[in-house]
């Protein structure tokens, strides 16, 4: 009786990931959420901010999708990042000296007043900027190599161009942040 239901769960075949449809929207949201938490945790780690210490979390720039996601995940971000409820900077509000992480166009800011050593943050930003410039050089090297561009699949070349654009946007945001710390 192959079509009859099994008498026990032990008789069922084990499900496979391919048996389920993927939800690209949900996957994108989870990746964004993970990137935000990683940014906050990276700043905490590099600035030696105790993991249990509640910190203010400010958000700047970003797009409508970032705002929607922040609204949706505010409680989870606050809990998992051990921070106050994330708050968007008003357009007329001056930006405080802050450690920053970048997720797409969104800048995640942790104000440094009483938390972070300004010199240490400048040093951290200098290192991150140098690392990103290295990544940009790698991308430009690949894209400048006619052998790569002519022989690699179009999807791979497009992905490299996309990576280059992302690295350049990230670099621009960090350079702006470093400039704000120097003034």
N, C-alpha and C. Protein backbone atom coordinates (compact mmCIF):
# COMPACT_ATOMS: atom_id res chain seq x y z
N UNK A 1 0.83 -1.19 0.00
CA UNK A 1 0.00 0.00 0.00
C UNK A 1 0.87 1.26 0.00
N UNK A 2 1.49 1.58 -1.10
CA UNK A 2 2.40 2.72 -1.17
C UNK A 2 1.71 4.07 -1.00
N UNK A 3 0.41 4.20 -1.33
CA UNK A 3 -0.25 5.50 -1.24
C UNK A 3 -0.89 5.75 0.12
N UNK A 4 -0.91 4.77 0.99
CA UNK A 4 -1.52 4.98 2.30
C UNK A 4 -0.57 5.75 3.21
N UNK A 5 -1.11 6.55 4.11
CA UNK A 5 -0.25 7.34 5.00
C UNK A 5 0.53 6.42 5.94
N UNK A 6 1.73 6.79 6.29
CA UNK A 6 2.52 5.96 7.19
C UNK A 6 1.88 5.92 8.58
N UNK A 7 2.14 4.85 9.27
CA UNK A 7 1.57 4.70 10.60
C UNK A 7 2.34 5.49 11.64
N UNK A 8 3.55 5.91 11.33
CA UNK A 8 4.38 6.61 12.29
C UNK A 8 5.26 7.62 11.55
N UNK A 9 5.66 8.64 12.26
CA UNK A 9 6.57 9.62 11.67
C UNK A 9 7.90 8.97 11.32
N UNK A 10 8.23 7.89 11.99
CA UNK A 10 9.47 7.17 11.70
C UNK A 10 9.47 6.56 10.31
N UNK A 11 8.30 6.35 9.76
CA UNK A 11 8.19 5.77 8.43
C UNK A 11 8.19 6.82 7.32
N UNK A 12 8.14 8.09 7.68
CA UNK A 12 8.14 9.18 6.69
C UNK A 12 9.56 9.41 6.18
N UNK A 13 9.65 9.83 4.94
CA UNK A 13 10.96 10.18 4.41
C UNK A 13 11.38 11.54 5.00
N UNK A 14 12.67 11.71 5.14
CA UNK A 14 13.21 12.94 5.70
C UNK A 14 13.02 14.06 4.68
N UNK A 15 12.54 15.23 5.09
CA UNK A 15 12.33 16.31 4.11
C UNK A 15 13.68 16.85 3.61
N UNK A 16 13.65 17.34 2.39
CA UNK A 16 14.83 17.93 1.77
C UNK A 16 14.57 19.42 1.54
N UNK A 17 15.60 20.22 1.61
CA UNK A 17 15.46 21.66 1.44
C UNK A 17 14.82 22.00 0.09
N UNK A 18 15.11 21.21 -0.92
CA UNK A 18 14.56 21.46 -2.25
C UNK A 18 13.05 21.24 -2.31
N UNK A 19 12.48 20.59 -1.30
CA UNK A 19 11.04 20.34 -1.27
C UNK A 19 10.25 21.60 -0.93
N UNK A 20 10.93 22.66 -0.50
CA UNK A 20 10.26 23.86 -0.04
C UNK A 20 10.64 25.04 -0.93
N UNK A 21 9.66 25.88 -1.21
CA UNK A 21 9.91 27.07 -2.01
C UNK A 21 10.75 28.06 -1.21
N UNK A 22 11.63 28.77 -1.90
CA UNK A 22 12.43 29.78 -1.21
C UNK A 22 11.70 31.12 -1.29
N UNK A 23 11.81 31.87 -0.23
CA UNK A 23 11.20 33.19 -0.16
C UNK A 23 12.33 34.21 -0.23
N UNK A 24 12.55 34.77 -1.41
CA UNK A 24 13.66 35.69 -1.62
C UNK A 24 13.52 36.95 -0.75
N UNK A 25 12.29 37.42 -0.56
CA UNK A 25 12.08 38.61 0.27
C UNK A 25 12.49 38.34 1.71
N UNK A 26 12.07 37.20 2.23
CA UNK A 26 12.44 36.84 3.61
C UNK A 26 13.94 36.66 3.74
N UNK A 27 14.56 36.05 2.75
CA UNK A 27 16.01 35.85 2.77
C UNK A 27 16.74 37.19 2.78
N UNK A 28 16.27 38.14 1.96
CA UNK A 28 16.90 39.47 1.90
C UNK A 28 16.75 40.19 3.23
N UNK A 29 15.59 40.06 3.86
CA UNK A 29 15.37 40.71 5.16
C UNK A 29 16.28 40.13 6.23
N UNK A 30 16.42 38.84 6.24
CA UNK A 30 17.28 38.19 7.24
C UNK A 30 18.74 38.59 7.02
N UNK A 31 19.19 38.64 5.77
CA UNK A 31 20.56 39.06 5.48
C UNK A 31 20.79 40.49 5.93
N UNK A 32 19.81 41.37 5.70
CA UNK A 32 19.91 42.75 6.14
C UNK A 32 19.99 42.81 7.67
N UNK A 33 19.12 42.08 8.32
CA UNK A 33 19.07 42.04 9.79
C UNK A 33 20.40 41.55 10.36
N UNK A 34 20.94 40.50 9.77
CA UNK A 34 22.23 39.97 10.22
C UNK A 34 23.34 41.00 10.01
N UNK A 35 23.30 41.72 8.90
CA UNK A 35 24.33 42.73 8.62
C UNK A 35 24.27 43.88 9.63
N UNK A 36 23.06 44.29 10.01
CA UNK A 36 22.91 45.35 11.01
C UNK A 36 23.49 44.89 12.35
N UNK A 37 23.12 43.70 12.78
CA UNK A 37 23.64 43.18 14.05
C UNK A 37 25.16 43.01 14.00
N UNK A 38 25.67 42.53 12.89
CA UNK A 38 27.11 42.37 12.73
C UNK A 38 27.81 43.72 12.83
N UNK A 39 27.24 44.74 12.22
CA UNK A 39 27.82 46.09 12.29
C UNK A 39 27.90 46.60 13.71
N UNK A 40 26.82 46.45 14.47
CA UNK A 40 26.81 46.90 15.86
C UNK A 40 27.81 46.10 16.68
N UNK A 41 27.81 44.81 16.51
CA UNK A 41 28.72 43.96 17.29
C UNK A 41 30.18 44.22 16.94
N UNK A 42 30.44 44.52 15.69
CA UNK A 42 31.81 44.82 15.27
C UNK A 42 32.29 46.10 15.94
N UNK A 43 31.44 47.12 15.97
CA UNK A 43 31.81 48.37 16.64
C UNK A 43 32.05 48.11 18.13
N UNK A 44 31.15 47.35 18.75
CA UNK A 44 31.32 47.03 20.17
C UNK A 44 32.67 46.35 20.41
N UNK A 45 32.98 45.38 19.58
CA UNK A 45 34.21 44.62 19.74
C UNK A 45 35.44 45.51 19.55
N UNK A 46 35.45 46.27 18.47
CA UNK A 46 36.61 47.09 18.15
C UNK A 46 36.80 48.25 19.12
N UNK A 47 35.71 48.72 19.72
CA UNK A 47 35.80 49.84 20.66
C UNK A 47 35.80 49.38 22.11
N UNK A 48 35.85 48.06 22.31
CA UNK A 48 35.87 47.49 23.66
C UNK A 48 34.70 47.96 24.52
N UNK A 49 33.51 47.99 23.93
CA UNK A 49 32.30 48.31 24.67
C UNK A 49 31.75 46.99 25.18
N UNK A 50 31.52 46.90 26.47
CA UNK A 50 31.05 45.66 27.09
C UNK A 50 29.79 45.17 26.39
N UNK A 51 29.71 43.89 26.09
CA UNK A 51 28.55 43.35 25.38
C UNK A 51 27.22 43.58 26.11
N UNK A 52 27.24 43.65 27.42
CA UNK A 52 26.00 43.82 28.18
C UNK A 52 25.60 45.26 28.38
N UNK A 53 26.47 46.21 28.04
CA UNK A 53 26.19 47.63 28.25
C UNK A 53 25.20 48.13 27.21
N UNK A 54 24.10 48.69 27.67
CA UNK A 54 23.10 49.25 26.76
C UNK A 54 23.67 50.52 26.14
N UNK A 55 23.54 50.63 24.85
CA UNK A 55 24.11 51.77 24.12
C UNK A 55 23.03 52.43 23.27
N UNK A 56 23.19 53.71 22.98
CA UNK A 56 22.27 54.35 22.04
C UNK A 56 22.60 53.90 20.62
N UNK A 57 21.60 53.82 19.77
CA UNK A 57 21.81 53.41 18.39
C UNK A 57 21.07 54.38 17.49
N UNK A 58 21.84 55.09 16.67
CA UNK A 58 21.26 56.06 15.74
C UNK A 58 21.41 55.54 14.33
N UNK A 59 20.48 55.92 13.48
CA UNK A 59 20.49 55.50 12.08
C UNK A 59 20.43 56.73 11.20
N UNK A 60 21.19 56.69 10.11
CA UNK A 60 21.20 57.82 9.18
C UNK A 60 21.19 57.28 7.75
N UNK A 61 20.78 58.15 6.85
CA UNK A 61 20.69 57.83 5.44
C UNK A 61 19.72 56.66 5.24
N UNK A 62 20.10 55.65 4.50
CA UNK A 62 19.19 54.54 4.25
C UNK A 62 18.10 54.93 3.28
N UNK A 63 17.30 53.95 2.92
CA UNK A 63 16.20 54.20 1.99
C UNK A 63 14.88 53.77 2.64
N UNK A 64 13.81 53.83 1.88
CA UNK A 64 12.49 53.48 2.42
C UNK A 64 12.44 52.03 2.89
N UNK A 65 13.13 51.15 2.20
CA UNK A 65 13.16 49.74 2.59
C UNK A 65 13.89 49.58 3.93
N UNK A 66 14.98 50.32 4.13
CA UNK A 66 15.69 50.29 5.42
C UNK A 66 14.77 50.76 6.54
N UNK A 67 14.04 51.82 6.28
CA UNK A 67 13.12 52.36 7.31
C UNK A 67 12.03 51.33 7.65
N UNK A 68 11.50 50.69 6.63
CA UNK A 68 10.47 49.68 6.87
C UNK A 68 11.05 48.53 7.70
N UNK A 69 12.25 48.10 7.35
CA UNK A 69 12.87 46.99 8.07
C UNK A 69 13.21 47.37 9.51
N UNK A 70 13.67 48.59 9.72
CA UNK A 70 13.97 49.04 11.08
C UNK A 70 12.68 49.04 11.91
N UNK A 71 11.60 49.55 11.33
CA UNK A 71 10.32 49.52 12.05
C UNK A 71 9.91 48.10 12.39
N UNK A 72 10.08 47.20 11.45
CA UNK A 72 9.68 45.81 11.63
C UNK A 72 10.54 45.10 12.69
N UNK A 73 11.86 45.36 12.67
CA UNK A 73 12.78 44.63 13.53
C UNK A 73 13.33 45.44 14.71
N UNK A 74 12.75 46.59 15.02
CA UNK A 74 13.31 47.46 16.07
C UNK A 74 13.47 46.73 17.40
N UNK A 75 12.47 46.01 17.83
CA UNK A 75 12.55 45.30 19.12
C UNK A 75 13.63 44.23 19.09
N UNK A 76 13.73 43.50 17.99
CA UNK A 76 14.74 42.45 17.89
C UNK A 76 16.15 43.03 17.83
N UNK A 77 16.30 44.15 17.12
CA UNK A 77 17.61 44.81 17.05
C UNK A 77 18.01 45.28 18.45
N UNK A 78 17.08 45.93 19.14
CA UNK A 78 17.37 46.44 20.49
C UNK A 78 17.77 45.30 21.42
N UNK A 79 17.06 44.19 21.35
CA UNK A 79 17.34 43.05 22.24
C UNK A 79 18.67 42.39 21.90
N UNK A 80 18.86 42.04 20.63
CA UNK A 80 20.05 41.28 20.25
C UNK A 80 21.31 42.14 20.20
N UNK A 81 21.19 43.43 19.91
CA UNK A 81 22.35 44.31 19.87
C UNK A 81 22.62 44.94 21.24
N UNK A 82 21.74 44.69 22.19
CA UNK A 82 21.86 45.27 23.54
C UNK A 82 21.98 46.79 23.44
N UNK A 83 20.98 47.38 22.78
CA UNK A 83 20.99 48.83 22.60
C UNK A 83 19.61 49.38 22.88
N UNK A 84 19.54 50.69 22.94
CA UNK A 84 18.25 51.35 23.05
C UNK A 84 17.52 51.14 21.72
N UNK A 85 16.23 51.42 21.71
CA UNK A 85 15.48 51.30 20.47
C UNK A 85 16.14 52.17 19.40
N UNK A 86 16.41 51.62 18.22
CA UNK A 86 17.07 52.40 17.17
C UNK A 86 16.27 53.65 16.85
N UNK A 87 16.98 54.75 16.64
CA UNK A 87 16.33 56.04 16.36
C UNK A 87 16.97 56.67 15.13
N UNK A 88 16.12 57.13 14.22
CA UNK A 88 16.60 57.80 13.01
C UNK A 88 16.97 59.24 13.35
N UNK A 89 18.07 59.71 12.81
CA UNK A 89 18.44 61.11 12.97
C UNK A 89 17.49 61.95 12.13
N UNK A 90 17.01 63.03 12.71
CA UNK A 90 16.15 63.95 11.96
C UNK A 90 17.01 64.69 10.95
N UNK A 91 16.39 65.13 9.86
CA UNK A 91 17.15 65.79 8.79
C UNK A 91 17.81 67.08 9.27
N UNK A 92 17.22 67.74 10.26
CA UNK A 92 17.80 68.99 10.77
C UNK A 92 18.67 68.77 12.00
N UNK A 93 18.82 67.53 12.42
CA UNK A 93 19.58 67.20 13.61
C UNK A 93 21.06 67.03 13.27
N UNK A 94 21.90 67.65 14.07
CA UNK A 94 23.34 67.50 13.86
C UNK A 94 23.78 66.09 14.25
N UNK A 95 24.69 65.57 13.48
CA UNK A 95 25.17 64.21 13.75
C UNK A 95 26.27 64.24 14.79
N UNK A 96 26.12 63.47 15.86
CA UNK A 96 27.16 63.46 16.89
C UNK A 96 28.38 62.67 16.41
N UNK A 97 29.51 62.88 17.10
CA UNK A 97 30.68 62.05 16.82
C UNK A 97 30.30 60.63 17.18
N UNK A 98 30.46 59.72 16.22
CA UNK A 98 29.97 58.36 16.43
C UNK A 98 30.81 57.36 15.67
N UNK A 99 30.84 56.14 16.18
CA UNK A 99 31.42 55.02 15.44
C UNK A 99 30.35 54.58 14.45
N UNK A 100 30.76 54.19 13.26
CA UNK A 100 29.78 53.88 12.22
C UNK A 100 30.04 52.53 11.57
N UNK A 101 28.95 51.93 11.16
CA UNK A 101 28.97 50.75 10.31
C UNK A 101 28.03 51.05 9.16
N UNK A 102 28.28 50.45 8.02
CA UNK A 102 27.48 50.73 6.83
C UNK A 102 26.86 49.44 6.33
N UNK A 103 25.55 49.48 6.08
CA UNK A 103 24.83 48.36 5.48
C UNK A 103 24.09 48.93 4.28
N UNK A 104 24.63 48.70 3.10
CA UNK A 104 24.04 49.31 1.89
C UNK A 104 24.20 50.82 1.99
N UNK A 105 23.07 51.56 1.99
CA UNK A 105 23.09 53.01 2.15
C UNK A 105 22.85 53.42 3.59
N UNK A 106 22.49 52.48 4.42
CA UNK A 106 22.18 52.75 5.82
C UNK A 106 23.46 52.89 6.63
N UNK A 107 23.53 53.97 7.41
CA UNK A 107 24.66 54.13 8.33
C UNK A 107 24.16 53.89 9.75
N UNK A 108 24.84 53.01 10.45
CA UNK A 108 24.51 52.66 11.82
C UNK A 108 25.51 53.40 12.70
N UNK A 109 25.02 54.24 13.60
CA UNK A 109 25.89 55.10 14.39
C UNK A 109 25.74 54.80 15.88
N UNK A 110 26.88 54.67 16.54
CA UNK A 110 26.90 54.54 17.99
C UNK A 110 27.63 55.77 18.50
N UNK A 111 26.88 56.72 19.11
CA UNK A 111 27.51 57.94 19.61
C UNK A 111 28.65 57.61 20.57
N UNK A 112 29.74 58.35 20.44
CA UNK A 112 30.93 58.03 21.20
C UNK A 112 31.00 58.72 22.55
N UNK A 113 30.15 59.69 22.79
CA UNK A 113 30.20 60.42 24.05
C UNK A 113 30.16 59.45 25.23
N UNK A 114 31.25 59.39 25.94
CA UNK A 114 31.34 58.54 27.12
C UNK A 114 31.54 57.06 26.83
N UNK A 115 31.56 56.67 25.57
CA UNK A 115 31.68 55.26 25.22
C UNK A 115 32.98 54.92 24.50
N UNK A 116 33.37 55.79 23.59
CA UNK A 116 34.40 55.43 22.62
C UNK A 116 35.51 56.47 22.60
N UNK A 117 36.72 55.99 22.48
CA UNK A 117 37.90 56.83 22.33
C UNK A 117 37.97 57.31 20.87
N UNK A 118 37.96 58.64 20.68
CA UNK A 118 37.95 59.19 19.32
C UNK A 118 39.18 58.76 18.52
N UNK A 119 40.35 58.75 19.16
CA UNK A 119 41.55 58.33 18.44
C UNK A 119 41.46 56.88 17.99
N UNK A 120 40.91 56.04 18.85
CA UNK A 120 40.76 54.62 18.51
C UNK A 120 39.78 54.45 17.35
N UNK A 121 38.73 55.25 17.34
CA UNK A 121 37.75 55.16 16.24
C UNK A 121 38.36 55.64 14.94
N UNK A 122 39.17 56.69 14.98
CA UNK A 122 39.85 57.16 13.76
C UNK A 122 40.79 56.08 13.23
N UNK A 123 41.51 55.43 14.14
CA UNK A 123 42.42 54.36 13.75
C UNK A 123 41.64 53.20 13.14
N UNK A 124 40.51 52.84 13.75
CA UNK A 124 39.67 51.76 13.23
C UNK A 124 39.17 52.10 11.83
N UNK A 125 38.70 53.34 11.66
CA UNK A 125 38.21 53.76 10.34
C UNK A 125 39.32 53.75 9.31
N UNK A 126 40.53 54.21 9.69
CA UNK A 126 41.66 54.19 8.77
C UNK A 126 41.95 52.77 8.30
N UNK A 127 41.92 51.80 9.22
CA UNK A 127 42.18 50.39 8.86
C UNK A 127 41.09 49.86 7.94
N UNK A 128 39.84 50.18 8.28
CA UNK A 128 38.72 49.70 7.46
C UNK A 128 38.77 50.32 6.07
N UNK A 129 39.11 51.60 5.99
CA UNK A 129 39.22 52.28 4.70
C UNK A 129 40.34 51.64 3.87
N UNK A 130 41.46 51.33 4.50
CA UNK A 130 42.57 50.68 3.78
C UNK A 130 42.14 49.31 3.27
N UNK A 131 41.40 48.56 4.08
CA UNK A 131 40.93 47.24 3.66
C UNK A 131 39.98 47.37 2.46
N UNK A 132 39.08 48.32 2.53
CA UNK A 132 38.11 48.50 1.44
C UNK A 132 38.81 48.97 0.17
N UNK A 133 39.80 49.83 0.31
CA UNK A 133 40.55 50.26 -0.87
C UNK A 133 41.25 49.07 -1.52
N UNK A 134 41.73 48.14 -0.70
CA UNK A 134 42.32 46.92 -1.23
C UNK A 134 41.30 46.10 -2.02
N UNK A 135 40.10 45.98 -1.49
CA UNK A 135 39.03 45.26 -2.19
C UNK A 135 38.68 45.95 -3.50
N UNK A 136 38.65 47.27 -3.48
CA UNK A 136 38.36 48.03 -4.70
C UNK A 136 39.45 47.78 -5.74
N UNK A 137 40.72 47.78 -5.31
CA UNK A 137 41.82 47.51 -6.24
C UNK A 137 41.68 46.11 -6.85
N UNK A 138 41.27 45.12 -6.04
CA UNK A 138 41.08 43.76 -6.56
C UNK A 138 40.00 43.75 -7.64
N UNK A 139 38.87 44.41 -7.34
CA UNK A 139 37.77 44.45 -8.31
C UNK A 139 38.20 45.17 -9.58
N UNK A 140 38.86 46.31 -9.40
CA UNK A 140 39.31 47.07 -10.57
C UNK A 140 40.33 46.28 -11.37
N UNK A 141 41.18 45.51 -10.67
CA UNK A 141 42.16 44.67 -11.37
C UNK A 141 41.48 43.62 -12.23
N UNK A 142 40.46 42.97 -11.66
CA UNK A 142 39.73 41.97 -12.44
C UNK A 142 39.03 42.61 -13.63
N UNK A 143 38.33 43.72 -13.36
CA UNK A 143 37.57 44.36 -14.43
C UNK A 143 38.48 45.03 -15.46
N UNK A 144 39.70 45.37 -15.06
CA UNK A 144 40.66 45.96 -15.99
C UNK A 144 41.39 44.92 -16.82
N UNK A 145 41.23 43.65 -16.46
CA UNK A 145 41.86 42.55 -17.18
C UNK A 145 40.93 42.12 -18.32
N UNK A 146 41.30 42.43 -19.54
CA UNK A 146 40.44 42.09 -20.68
C UNK A 146 40.23 40.59 -20.80
N UNK A 147 41.20 39.82 -20.37
CA UNK A 147 41.06 38.36 -20.39
C UNK A 147 39.89 37.92 -19.51
N UNK A 148 39.80 38.52 -18.31
CA UNK A 148 38.71 38.20 -17.39
C UNK A 148 37.37 38.64 -17.98
N UNK A 149 37.31 39.89 -18.43
CA UNK A 149 36.06 40.45 -18.94
C UNK A 149 35.57 39.70 -20.17
N UNK A 150 36.50 39.30 -21.05
CA UNK A 150 36.11 38.63 -22.29
C UNK A 150 35.74 37.16 -22.10
N UNK A 151 36.35 36.50 -21.12
CA UNK A 151 36.16 35.06 -20.99
C UNK A 151 35.28 34.62 -19.83
N UNK A 152 35.11 35.46 -18.84
CA UNK A 152 34.26 35.08 -17.71
C UNK A 152 32.79 35.18 -18.12
N UNK A 153 31.94 34.36 -17.51
CA UNK A 153 30.50 34.49 -17.80
C UNK A 153 30.01 35.89 -17.48
N UNK A 154 29.04 36.35 -18.24
CA UNK A 154 28.51 37.71 -18.06
C UNK A 154 28.02 37.93 -16.63
N UNK A 155 27.43 36.92 -16.03
CA UNK A 155 26.92 37.04 -14.66
C UNK A 155 28.05 37.30 -13.67
N UNK A 156 29.20 36.68 -13.89
CA UNK A 156 30.36 36.87 -13.00
C UNK A 156 30.91 38.28 -13.16
N UNK A 157 30.99 38.77 -14.39
CA UNK A 157 31.48 40.13 -14.65
C UNK A 157 30.52 41.14 -14.03
N UNK A 158 29.21 40.93 -14.20
CA UNK A 158 28.21 41.82 -13.61
C UNK A 158 28.30 41.81 -12.08
N UNK A 159 28.52 40.64 -11.50
CA UNK A 159 28.66 40.53 -10.05
C UNK A 159 29.88 41.33 -9.58
N UNK A 160 30.95 41.26 -10.32
CA UNK A 160 32.17 42.00 -9.95
C UNK A 160 31.93 43.50 -10.06
N UNK A 161 31.19 43.92 -11.06
CA UNK A 161 30.86 45.35 -11.19
C UNK A 161 29.97 45.80 -10.03
N UNK A 162 29.05 44.95 -9.65
CA UNK A 162 28.17 45.25 -8.51
C UNK A 162 28.98 45.35 -7.22
N UNK A 163 29.91 44.41 -7.04
CA UNK A 163 30.77 44.45 -5.85
C UNK A 163 31.58 45.75 -5.81
N UNK A 164 32.09 46.16 -6.96
CA UNK A 164 32.87 47.39 -7.03
C UNK A 164 32.01 48.59 -6.64
N UNK A 165 30.79 48.64 -7.13
CA UNK A 165 29.88 49.75 -6.76
C UNK A 165 29.59 49.73 -5.26
N UNK A 166 29.36 48.55 -4.70
CA UNK A 166 29.09 48.42 -3.27
C UNK A 166 30.30 48.87 -2.45
N UNK A 167 31.49 48.43 -2.84
CA UNK A 167 32.71 48.82 -2.11
C UNK A 167 32.90 50.33 -2.19
N UNK A 168 32.65 50.93 -3.35
CA UNK A 168 32.81 52.38 -3.49
C UNK A 168 31.82 53.14 -2.62
N UNK A 169 30.58 52.67 -2.54
CA UNK A 169 29.58 53.31 -1.68
C UNK A 169 29.99 53.19 -0.21
N UNK A 170 30.48 52.02 0.16
CA UNK A 170 30.93 51.78 1.54
C UNK A 170 32.11 52.71 1.86
N UNK A 171 33.05 52.81 0.94
CA UNK A 171 34.22 53.67 1.13
C UNK A 171 33.80 55.13 1.30
N UNK A 172 32.89 55.58 0.46
CA UNK A 172 32.42 56.96 0.53
C UNK A 172 31.80 57.26 1.90
N UNK A 173 30.99 56.34 2.39
CA UNK A 173 30.35 56.53 3.70
C UNK A 173 31.39 56.59 4.82
N UNK A 174 32.38 55.70 4.77
CA UNK A 174 33.40 55.69 5.82
C UNK A 174 34.30 56.92 5.75
N UNK A 175 34.63 57.38 4.55
CA UNK A 175 35.42 58.60 4.41
C UNK A 175 34.67 59.80 4.98
N UNK A 176 33.37 59.84 4.73
CA UNK A 176 32.53 60.92 5.30
C UNK A 176 32.53 60.86 6.82
N UNK A 177 32.42 59.65 7.36
CA UNK A 177 32.43 59.46 8.81
C UNK A 177 33.77 59.90 9.39
N UNK A 178 34.86 59.53 8.75
CA UNK A 178 36.19 59.91 9.23
C UNK A 178 36.34 61.43 9.19
N UNK A 179 35.84 62.05 8.15
CA UNK A 179 35.92 63.50 8.04
C UNK A 179 35.15 64.17 9.17
N UNK A 180 33.98 63.65 9.51
CA UNK A 180 33.19 64.22 10.60
C UNK A 180 33.93 64.09 11.94
N UNK A 181 34.69 63.03 12.11
CA UNK A 181 35.44 62.85 13.36
C UNK A 181 36.64 63.79 13.44
N UNK A 182 37.14 64.22 12.31
CA UNK A 182 38.32 65.09 12.30
C UNK A 182 37.95 66.55 12.49
N UNK A 183 36.68 66.88 12.35
CA UNK A 183 36.27 68.28 12.51
C UNK A 183 35.77 68.57 13.89
